[in-house]
């Protein structure tokens, strides 16, 4: 039997989901409000929503989702998180654009599908790169 346990990964994924739901709620609230008042600004609304969500997400992920002894300093984590955020925002915006312009999807439906495609990758990249943990005695990643 392997010494590897999926329990810590499952617990982290659950915390990521809880924080993610909050971040998504903030993101979507900003998006819906902006597109309600300015319907043609769906890309700008996506950028605004992602930005507001990202700032709240960084602190919640650092101190709750991936809490504990982390390998990198907070400034380094912030730089990596912001880089990941820009990648997520770019990919999400591109997918929304494709959904709305090429597939004639509803703007909100396109955003939901685009975000679903980005979230799983984001969890793994945050876990492996941004908020990486090590066991002090073994140096193994958790």
Protein backbone atom coordinates (compact mmCIF):
# COMPACT_ATOMS: atom_id res chain seq x y z
CA UNK A 1 0.00 0.00 0.00
CA UNK A 2 1.31 3.42 -0.95
CA UNK A 3 2.21 5.97 1.72
CA UNK A 4 0.57 8.63 -0.46
CA UNK A 5 -2.85 9.72 0.76
CA UNK A 6 -5.45 11.57 -1.25
CA UNK A 7 -7.02 12.99 1.92
CA UNK A 8 -4.88 16.19 2.07
CA UNK A 9 -5.48 16.77 -1.64
CA UNK A 10 -9.23 16.24 -1.19
CA UNK A 11 -9.29 18.62 1.78
CA UNK A 12 -7.38 21.27 -0.17
CA UNK A 13 -9.64 20.83 -3.18
CA UNK A 14 -12.69 21.27 -0.91
CA UNK A 15 -11.26 24.47 0.58
CA UNK A 16 -10.38 25.66 -2.93
CA UNK A 17 -13.99 25.05 -3.96
CA UNK A 18 -15.35 27.01 -0.97
CA UNK A 19 -13.06 29.98 -1.61
CA UNK A 20 -13.63 29.62 -5.34
CA UNK A 21 -17.39 29.89 -4.91
CA UNK A 22 -16.91 33.15 -3.00
CA UNK A 23 -14.46 34.48 -5.61
CA UNK A 24 -16.80 33.46 -8.45
CA UNK A 25 -19.72 35.18 -6.69
CA UNK A 26 -17.70 38.41 -6.45
CA UNK A 27 -16.55 38.03 -10.08
CA UNK A 28 -20.07 37.36 -11.40
CA UNK A 29 -21.64 40.14 -9.34
CA UNK A 30 -19.25 42.68 -10.86
CA UNK A 31 -19.78 41.15 -14.33
CA UNK A 32 -23.58 41.13 -14.14
CA UNK A 33 -23.78 44.66 -12.75
CA UNK A 34 -21.48 46.07 -15.41
CA UNK A 35 -23.17 44.27 -18.31
CA UNK A 36 -26.58 45.28 -16.96
CA UNK A 37 -25.70 48.96 -17.18
CA UNK A 38 -23.33 48.67 -20.19
CA UNK A 39 -24.43 45.60 -22.21
CA UNK A 40 -21.76 45.83 -24.92
CA UNK A 41 -18.87 45.80 -22.42
CA UNK A 42 -18.83 42.08 -21.67
CA UNK A 43 -15.05 41.74 -22.14
CA UNK A 44 -14.32 44.76 -19.92
CA UNK A 45 -16.86 43.41 -17.42
CA UNK A 46 -15.06 40.06 -17.39
CA UNK A 47 -11.73 41.79 -16.74
CA UNK A 48 -13.25 43.86 -13.89
CA UNK A 49 -14.90 40.81 -12.32
CA UNK A 50 -11.75 38.71 -12.57
CA UNK A 51 -9.63 41.50 -11.06
CA UNK A 52 -11.90 42.03 -8.05
CA UNK A 53 -12.17 38.27 -7.57
CA UNK A 54 -8.42 37.72 -7.90
CA UNK A 55 -7.49 40.13 -5.13
CA UNK A 56 -9.92 38.55 -2.68
CA UNK A 57 -8.92 35.08 -3.87
CA UNK A 58 -5.19 35.59 -3.27
CA UNK A 59 -5.60 36.31 0.43
CA UNK A 60 -8.22 33.63 1.00
CA UNK A 61 -6.21 30.98 -0.85
CA UNK A 62 -2.98 31.92 0.91
CA UNK A 63 -4.44 31.90 4.42
CA UNK A 64 -7.22 29.31 4.11
CA UNK A 65 -7.03 27.03 1.07
CA UNK A 66 -3.26 26.47 1.11
CA UNK A 67 -2.61 27.55 4.73
CA UNK A 68 0.54 26.33 6.41
CA UNK A 69 4.26 26.53 5.81
CA UNK A 70 4.75 27.62 2.22
CA UNK A 71 7.97 27.55 0.19
CA UNK A 72 7.72 31.04 -1.28
CA UNK A 73 7.54 34.51 0.24
CA UNK A 74 4.29 36.46 0.02
CA UNK A 75 5.66 38.91 -2.61
CA UNK A 76 6.81 35.99 -4.79
CA UNK A 77 3.45 34.29 -4.37
CA UNK A 78 1.67 37.52 -5.32
CA UNK A 79 3.75 37.85 -8.51
CA UNK A 80 3.04 34.22 -9.46
CA UNK A 81 -0.65 34.58 -8.58
CA UNK A 82 -0.98 37.75 -10.66
CA UNK A 83 0.76 36.04 -13.60
CA UNK A 84 -1.65 33.11 -13.29
CA UNK A 85 -4.53 35.58 -12.99
CA UNK A 86 -3.54 37.28 -16.25
CA UNK A 87 -3.30 33.93 -17.99
CA UNK A 88 -6.71 32.90 -16.63
CA UNK A 89 -8.27 36.25 -17.51
CA UNK A 90 -6.85 36.14 -21.05
CA UNK A 91 -7.96 32.57 -21.68
CA UNK A 92 -11.38 33.17 -20.10
CA UNK A 93 -11.94 36.37 -22.10
CA UNK A 94 -10.88 34.66 -25.33
CA UNK A 95 -13.23 31.73 -24.69
CA UNK A 96 -16.10 34.12 -23.89
CA UNK A 97 -15.39 36.03 -27.10
CA UNK A 98 -15.42 32.80 -29.11
CA UNK A 99 -18.64 31.68 -27.46
CA UNK A 100 -20.44 34.96 -28.06
CA UNK A 101 -19.16 35.77 -31.55
CA UNK A 102 -18.66 32.36 -33.17
CA UNK A 103 -21.20 30.21 -31.36
CA UNK A 104 -23.78 32.98 -30.70
CA UNK A 105 -24.00 31.95 -27.03
CA UNK A 106 -25.57 34.07 -24.35
CA UNK A 107 -22.84 36.17 -22.69
CA UNK A 108 -23.41 34.70 -19.23
CA UNK A 109 -23.52 31.12 -20.52
CA UNK A 110 -20.27 31.73 -22.43
CA UNK A 111 -18.67 33.05 -19.22
CA UNK A 112 -19.82 30.02 -17.20
CA UNK A 113 -18.41 27.57 -19.77
CA UNK A 114 -15.15 29.52 -20.11
CA UNK A 115 -14.63 29.72 -16.36
CA UNK A 116 -15.34 26.02 -15.90
CA UNK A 117 -12.58 25.28 -18.40
CA UNK A 118 -10.09 27.44 -16.49
CA UNK A 119 -10.81 26.57 -12.83
CA UNK A 120 -9.38 23.03 -12.61
CA UNK A 121 -6.09 24.07 -14.19
CA UNK A 122 -5.93 27.05 -11.88
CA UNK A 123 -6.23 24.83 -8.79
CA UNK A 124 -3.37 22.63 -9.90
CA UNK A 125 -1.13 25.56 -10.83
CA UNK A 126 -1.85 27.33 -7.54
CA UNK A 127 -1.13 24.15 -5.60
CA UNK A 128 2.05 23.24 -7.47
CA UNK A 129 3.54 26.67 -8.14
CA UNK A 130 2.11 29.55 -6.14
CA UNK A 131 1.30 28.15 -2.68
CA UNK A 132 3.53 25.05 -2.73
CA UNK A 133 4.19 23.40 0.64
CA UNK A 134 7.07 21.23 1.76
CA UNK A 135 7.44 18.90 4.70
CA UNK A 136 10.40 20.31 6.67
CA UNK A 137 11.93 16.88 7.30
CA UNK A 138 11.49 15.31 3.87
CA UNK A 139 11.13 18.14 1.40
CA UNK A 140 8.19 16.28 -0.17
CA UNK A 141 5.42 18.32 -1.66
CA UNK A 142 2.02 18.12 0.02
